Amino acid sequence: MGAVKLRLRRMSTAEFDAFRARSVTEYAAARVESGDWSADRAEGLAAEQTESLLPEGADTPGMLLLTAESQQYGIVGLAWVALEHGEKRSAWIYDIEIVPAHRGKGYGKALLHAVEQLVAHHGVESIGLNVFAGNDVARRLYASSGYETTSIHMRKALS
């Protein structure tokens, strides 16, 4: 298989609405699984955090909400990136995902690379992200793409 080529474009309103609904549910579940939040409050907390980060939806300044398309398959993934996260001119990947039917075909690495190129054109000097400990596939992707571990959170249950 040759190099995977993707085209990035701004999410449509319908794509953003579907993404937001799915993102809140998936983020809440990940925070419950990681032990950070209780199941009864997780969905509300995830919705609050998402709303605070995206008060104007897909039009929120400083946020890139992107759809990735391949010529052969159409939509294969998406990315949500914040520009100028923190003190330095950097970016933060809040979400990056590939449609399940297209995983394992090189689209994740291609999307990550396309996002890096796009944010570099915005004058960004570095890019960061968070990955939950149990997501080994994503951790391998990021490590193989040159991302370095900068922080590790650990927990022990005391029951």
C-alpha atoms as a PDB file:
ATOM      1  CA  MET A   1       0.000   0.000   0.000  1.00  0.00           C
ATOM      2  CA  GLY A   2       1.389   3.416  -0.998  1.00  0.00           C
ATOM      3  CA  ALA A   3       1.325   6.583   1.031  1.00  0.00           C
ATOM      4  CA  VAL A   4      -2.135   7.352   2.349  1.00  0.00           C
ATOM      5  CA  LYS A   5      -3.439  10.713   1.138  1.00  0.00           C
ATOM      6  CA  LEU A   6      -6.070  12.708   2.973  1.00  0.00           C
ATOM      7  CA  ARG A   7      -7.839  15.985   2.447  1.00  0.00           C
ATOM      8  CA  LEU A   8      -8.747  17.988   5.553  1.00  0.00           C
ATOM      9  CA  ARG A   9     -11.737  20.297   5.588  1.00  0.00           C
ATOM     10  CA  ARG A  10     -13.801  22.110   8.185  1.00  0.00           C
ATOM     11  CA  MET A  11     -16.569  19.984   9.727  1.00  0.00           C
ATOM     12  CA  SER A  12     -20.050  20.773   8.475  1.00  0.00           C
ATOM     13  CA  THR A  13     -22.706  21.765  11.030  1.00  0.00           C
ATOM     14  CA  ALA A  14     -24.307  18.312  10.830  1.00  0.00           C
ATOM     15  CA  GLU A  15     -20.913  16.602  11.236  1.00  0.00           C
ATOM     16  CA  PHE A  16     -20.101  18.800  14.221  1.00  0.00           C
ATOM     17  CA  ASP A  17     -23.452  18.074  15.913  1.00  0.00           C
ATOM     18  CA  ALA A  18     -22.937  14.313  15.507  1.00  0.00           C
ATOM     19  CA  PHE A  19     -19.307  14.593  16.638  1.00  0.00           C
ATOM     20  CA  ARG A  20     -20.215  16.621  19.729  1.00  0.00           C
ATOM     21  CA  ALA A  21     -22.903  14.151  20.844  1.00  0.00           C
ATOM     22  CA  ARG A  22     -20.613  11.136  20.317  1.00  0.00           C
ATOM     23  CA  SER A  23     -17.612  12.898  21.832  1.00  0.00           C
ATOM     24  CA  VAL A  24     -19.412  13.766  25.071  1.00  0.00           C
ATOM     25  CA  THR A  25     -20.597  10.162  25.509  1.00  0.00           C
ATOM     26  CA  GLU A  26     -17.188   8.636  24.706  1.00  0.00           C
ATOM     27  CA  TYR A  27     -15.265  11.120  26.869  1.00  0.00           C
ATOM     28  CA  ALA A  28     -17.601  10.498  29.808  1.00  0.00           C
ATOM     29  CA  ALA A  29     -17.115   6.727  29.435  1.00  0.00           C
ATOM     30  CA  ALA A  30     -13.314   7.097  29.270  1.00  0.00           C
ATOM     31  CA  ARG A  31     -13.251   9.242  32.428  1.00  0.00           C
ATOM     32  CA  VAL A  32     -15.415   6.678  34.263  1.00  0.00           C
ATOM     33  CA  GLU A  33     -13.222   3.796  33.065  1.00  0.00           C
ATOM     34  CA  SER A  34     -10.077   5.637  34.174  1.00  0.00           C
ATOM     35  CA  GLY A  35     -11.596   6.132  37.631  1.00  0.00           C
ATOM     36  CA  ASP A  36     -11.722   9.929  37.396  1.00  0.00           C
ATOM     37  CA  TRP A  37     -15.495  10.411  37.472  1.00  0.00           C
ATOM     38  CA  SER A  38     -18.526   8.596  38.842  1.00  0.00           C
ATOM     39  CA  ALA A  39     -20.879   7.114  36.237  1.00  0.00           C
ATOM     40  CA  ASP A  40     -23.877   9.085  37.470  1.00  0.00           C
ATOM     41  CA  ARG A  41     -22.176  12.472  36.892  1.00  0.00           C
ATOM     42  CA  ALA A  42     -19.871  11.727  33.965  1.00  0.00           C
ATOM     43  CA  GLU A  43     -22.165  12.654  31.071  1.00  0.00           C
ATOM     44  CA  GLY A  44     -23.006  16.041  32.612  1.00  0.00           C
ATOM     45  CA  LEU A  45     -19.377  16.823  33.401  1.00  0.00           C
ATOM     46  CA  ALA A  46     -18.278  15.872  29.894  1.00  0.00           C
ATOM     47  CA  ALA A  47     -21.005  18.064  28.373  1.00  0.00           C
ATOM     48  CA  GLU A  48     -19.974  21.006  30.607  1.00  0.00           C
ATOM     49  CA  GLN A  49     -16.307  20.679  29.655  1.00  0.00           C
ATOM     50  CA  THR A  50     -17.112  20.407  25.970  1.00  0.00           C
ATOM     51  CA  GLU A  51     -19.395  23.442  26.095  1.00  0.00           C
ATOM     52  CA  SER A  52     -16.744  25.484  27.919  1.00  0.00           C
ATOM     53  CA  LEU A  53     -14.155  24.606  25.262  1.00  0.00           C
ATOM     54  CA  LEU A  54     -16.508  25.052  22.308  1.00  0.00           C
ATOM     55  CA  PRO A  55     -18.928  27.827  23.310  1.00  0.00           C
ATOM     56  CA  GLU A  56     -19.498  28.762  19.668  1.00  0.00           C
ATOM     57  CA  GLY A  57     -19.540  25.185  18.419  1.00  0.00           C
ATOM     58  CA  ALA A  58     -17.576  24.585  15.248  1.00  0.00           C
ATOM     59  CA  ASP A  59     -17.071  28.365  14.945  1.00  0.00           C
ATOM     60  CA  THR A  60     -15.200  28.730  18.256  1.00  0.00           C
ATOM     61  CA  PRO A  61     -12.107  30.898  17.670  1.00  0.00           C
ATOM     62  CA  GLY A  62      -8.788  29.086  18.030  1.00  0.00           C
ATOM     63  CA  MET A  63     -10.351  25.665  17.453  1.00  0.00           C
ATOM     64  CA  LEU A  64      -9.973  23.546  14.348  1.00  0.00           C
ATOM     65  CA  LEU A  65     -12.746  20.968  13.885  1.00  0.00           C
ATOM     66  CA  LEU A  66     -11.719  18.934  10.881  1.00  0.00           C
ATOM     67  CA  THR A  67     -13.060  16.134   8.722  1.00  0.00           C
ATOM     68  CA  ALA A  68     -10.561  13.901   6.909  1.00  0.00           C
ATOM     69  CA  GLU A  69     -11.489  12.450   3.542  1.00  0.00           C
ATOM     70  CA  SER A  70      -9.794  10.013   1.208  1.00  0.00           C
ATOM     71  CA  GLN A  71     -10.508  10.025  -2.511  1.00  0.00           C
ATOM     72  CA  GLN A  72     -11.408   6.335  -2.430  1.00  0.00           C
ATOM     73  CA  TYR A  73     -13.585   6.121   0.712  1.00  0.00           C
ATOM     74  CA  GLY A  74     -14.838   9.631   1.464  1.00  0.00           C
ATOM     75  CA  ILE A  75     -14.877  10.472   5.188  1.00  0.00           C
ATOM     76  CA  VAL A  76     -12.346   8.375   7.104  1.00  0.00           C
ATOM     77  CA  GLY A  77     -11.778  10.403  10.260  1.00  0.00           C
ATOM     78  CA  LEU A  78     -11.870  13.645  12.194  1.00  0.00           C
ATOM     79  CA  ALA A  79      -9.773  15.829  14.441  1.00  0.00           C
ATOM     80  CA  TRP A  80     -10.393  18.522  17.038  1.00  0.00           C
ATOM     81  CA  VAL A  81      -7.377  20.744  17.645  1.00  0.00           C
ATOM     82  CA  ALA A  82      -6.872  23.878  19.754  1.00  0.00           C
ATOM     83  CA  LEU A  83      -4.289  26.414  18.628  1.00  0.00           C
ATOM     84  CA  GLU A  84      -2.104  28.256  21.190  1.00  0.00           C
ATOM     85  CA  HIS A  85      -2.790  25.887  24.067  1.00  0.00           C
ATOM     86  CA  GLY A  86      -0.898  27.173  27.125  1.00  0.00           C
ATOM     87  CA  GLU A  87       1.931  29.689  27.267  1.00  0.00           C
ATOM     88  CA  LYS A  88       3.840  28.750  24.123  1.00  0.00           C
ATOM     89  CA  ARG A  89       2.672  28.865  20.526  1.00  0.00           C
ATOM     90  CA  SER A  90       1.499  25.307  20.578  1.00  0.00           C
ATOM     91  CA  ALA A  91      -1.510  23.216  19.727  1.00  0.00           C
ATOM     92  CA  TRP A  92      -3.468  20.593  21.603  1.00  0.00           C
ATOM     93  CA  ILE A  93      -5.238  17.641  20.007  1.00  0.00           C
ATOM     94  CA  TYR A  94      -8.453  17.106  21.928  1.00  0.00           C
ATOM     95  CA  ASP A  95      -9.658  14.329  19.679  1.00  0.00           C
ATOM     96  CA  ILE A  96      -8.457  12.448  16.650  1.00  0.00           C
ATOM     97  CA  GLU A  97     -10.215   9.382  15.375  1.00  0.00           C
ATOM     98  CA  ILE A  98     -10.582   7.160  12.373  1.00  0.00           C
ATOM     99  CA  VAL A  99     -13.893   5.629  11.312  1.00  0.00           C
ATOM    100  CA  PRO A 100     -13.830   2.019  12.660  1.00  0.00           C
ATOM    101  CA  ALA A 101     -14.112   0.453   9.184  1.00  0.00           C
ATOM    102  CA  HIS A 102     -10.922   2.247   8.100  1.00  0.00           C
ATOM    103  CA  ARG A 103      -8.704   1.618  11.137  1.00  0.00           C
ATOM    104  CA  GLY A 104      -5.435  -0.244  10.690  1.00  0.00           C
ATOM    105  CA  LYS A 105      -4.946   1.031   7.130  1.00  0.00           C
ATOM    106  CA  GLY A 106      -2.577   3.935   7.808  1.00  0.00           C
ATOM    107  CA  TYR A 107      -5.230   6.645   8.041  1.00  0.00           C
ATOM    108  CA  GLY A 108      -4.447   7.426  11.697  1.00  0.00           C
ATOM    109  CA  LYS A 109      -0.822   8.196  10.946  1.00  0.00           C
ATOM    110  CA  ALA A 110      -1.801  10.140   7.812  1.00  0.00           C
ATOM    111  CA  LEU A 111      -4.371  12.205   9.729  1.00  0.00           C
ATOM    112  CA  LEU A 112      -1.924  12.931  12.537  1.00  0.00           C
ATOM    113  CA  HIS A 113       0.670  14.066   9.977  1.00  0.00           C
ATOM    114  CA  ALA A 114      -1.880  16.231   8.114  1.00  0.00           C
ATOM    115  CA  VAL A 115      -2.932  17.890  11.386  1.00  0.00           C
ATOM    116  CA  GLU A 116       0.710  18.573  12.272  1.00  0.00           C
ATOM    117  CA  GLN A 117       1.294  20.211   8.891  1.00  0.00           C
ATOM    118  CA  LEU A 118      -1.847  22.330   9.183  1.00  0.00           C
ATOM    119  CA  VAL A 119      -1.058  23.651  12.652  1.00  0.00           C
ATOM    120  CA  ALA A 120       2.555  24.332  11.647  1.00  0.00           C
ATOM    121  CA  HIS A 121       1.159  26.675   8.964  1.00  0.00           C
ATOM    122  CA  HIS A 122      -0.489  28.587  11.841  1.00  0.00           C
ATOM    123  CA  GLY A 123       2.952  29.260  13.356  1.00  0.00           C
ATOM    124  CA  VAL A 124       2.624  26.592  16.022  1.00  0.00           C
ATOM    125  CA  GLU A 125       5.908  25.286  17.431  1.00  0.00           C
ATOM    126  CA  SER A 126       4.698  22.121  19.171  1.00  0.00           C
ATOM    127  CA  ILE A 127       1.659  19.919  19.525  1.00  0.00           C
ATOM    128  CA  GLY A 128       0.467  17.836  22.453  1.00  0.00           C
ATOM    129  CA  LEU A 129      -2.301  15.450  23.379  1.00  0.00           C
ATOM    130  CA  ASN A 130      -3.563  13.162  26.104  1.00  0.00           C
ATOM    131  CA  VAL A 131      -4.068   9.447  25.687  1.00  0.00           C
ATOM    132  CA  PHE A 132      -5.686   7.227  28.286  1.00  0.00           C
ATOM    133  CA  ALA A 133      -3.445   4.451  29.606  1.00  0.00           C
ATOM    134  CA  GLY A 134      -5.523   1.573  28.222  1.00  0.00           C
ATOM    135  CA  ASN A 135      -5.451   2.875  24.646  1.00  0.00           C
ATOM    136  CA  ASP A 136      -2.403   0.931  23.478  1.00  0.00           C
ATOM    137  CA  VAL A 137      -3.114   1.330  19.754  1.00  0.00           C
ATOM    138  CA  ALA A 138      -3.127   5.122  20.058  1.00  0.00           C
ATOM    139  CA  ARG A 139      -0.059   5.128  22.298  1.00  0.00           C
ATOM    140  CA  ARG A 140       1.885   3.121  19.701  1.00  0.00           C
ATOM    141  CA  LEU A 141       0.732   5.463  16.927  1.00  0.00           C
ATOM    142  CA  TYR A 142       1.854   8.557  18.813  1.00  0.00           C
ATOM    143  CA  ALA A 143       5.196   7.033  19.843  1.00  0.00           C
ATOM    144  CA  SER A 144       5.912   5.915  16.263  1.00  0.00           C
ATOM    145  CA  SER A 145       5.064   9.453  15.099  1.00  0.00           C
ATOM    146  CA  GLY A 146       7.667  11.053  17.383  1.00  0.00           C
ATOM    147  CA  TYR A 147       5.513  12.033  20.367  1.00  0.00           C
ATOM    148  CA  GLU A 148       7.272  11.841  23.731  1.00  0.00           C
ATOM    149  CA  THR A 149       5.727  11.136  27.113  1.00  0.00           C
ATOM    150  CA  THR A 150       5.716  14.362  29.135  1.00  0.00           C
ATOM    151  CA  SER A 151       3.564  13.346  32.103  1.00  0.00           C
ATOM    152  CA  ILE A 152       2.258  10.164  33.694  1.00  0.00           C
ATOM    153  CA  HIS A 153      -0.635  10.112  36.150  1.00  0.00           C
ATOM    154  CA  MET A 154      -0.853   7.092  38.443  1.00  0.00           C
ATOM    155  CA  ARG A 155      -3.509   5.904  40.872  1.00  0.00           C
ATOM    156  CA  LYS A 156      -3.982   3.133  43.400  1.00  0.00           C
ATOM    157  CA  ALA A 157      -7.398   2.121  44.664  1.00  0.00           C
ATOM    158  CA  LEU A 158      -7.609   1.927  48.453  1.00  0.00           C
ATOM    159  CA  SER A 159     -10.572  -0.256  49.300  1.00  0.00           C
END
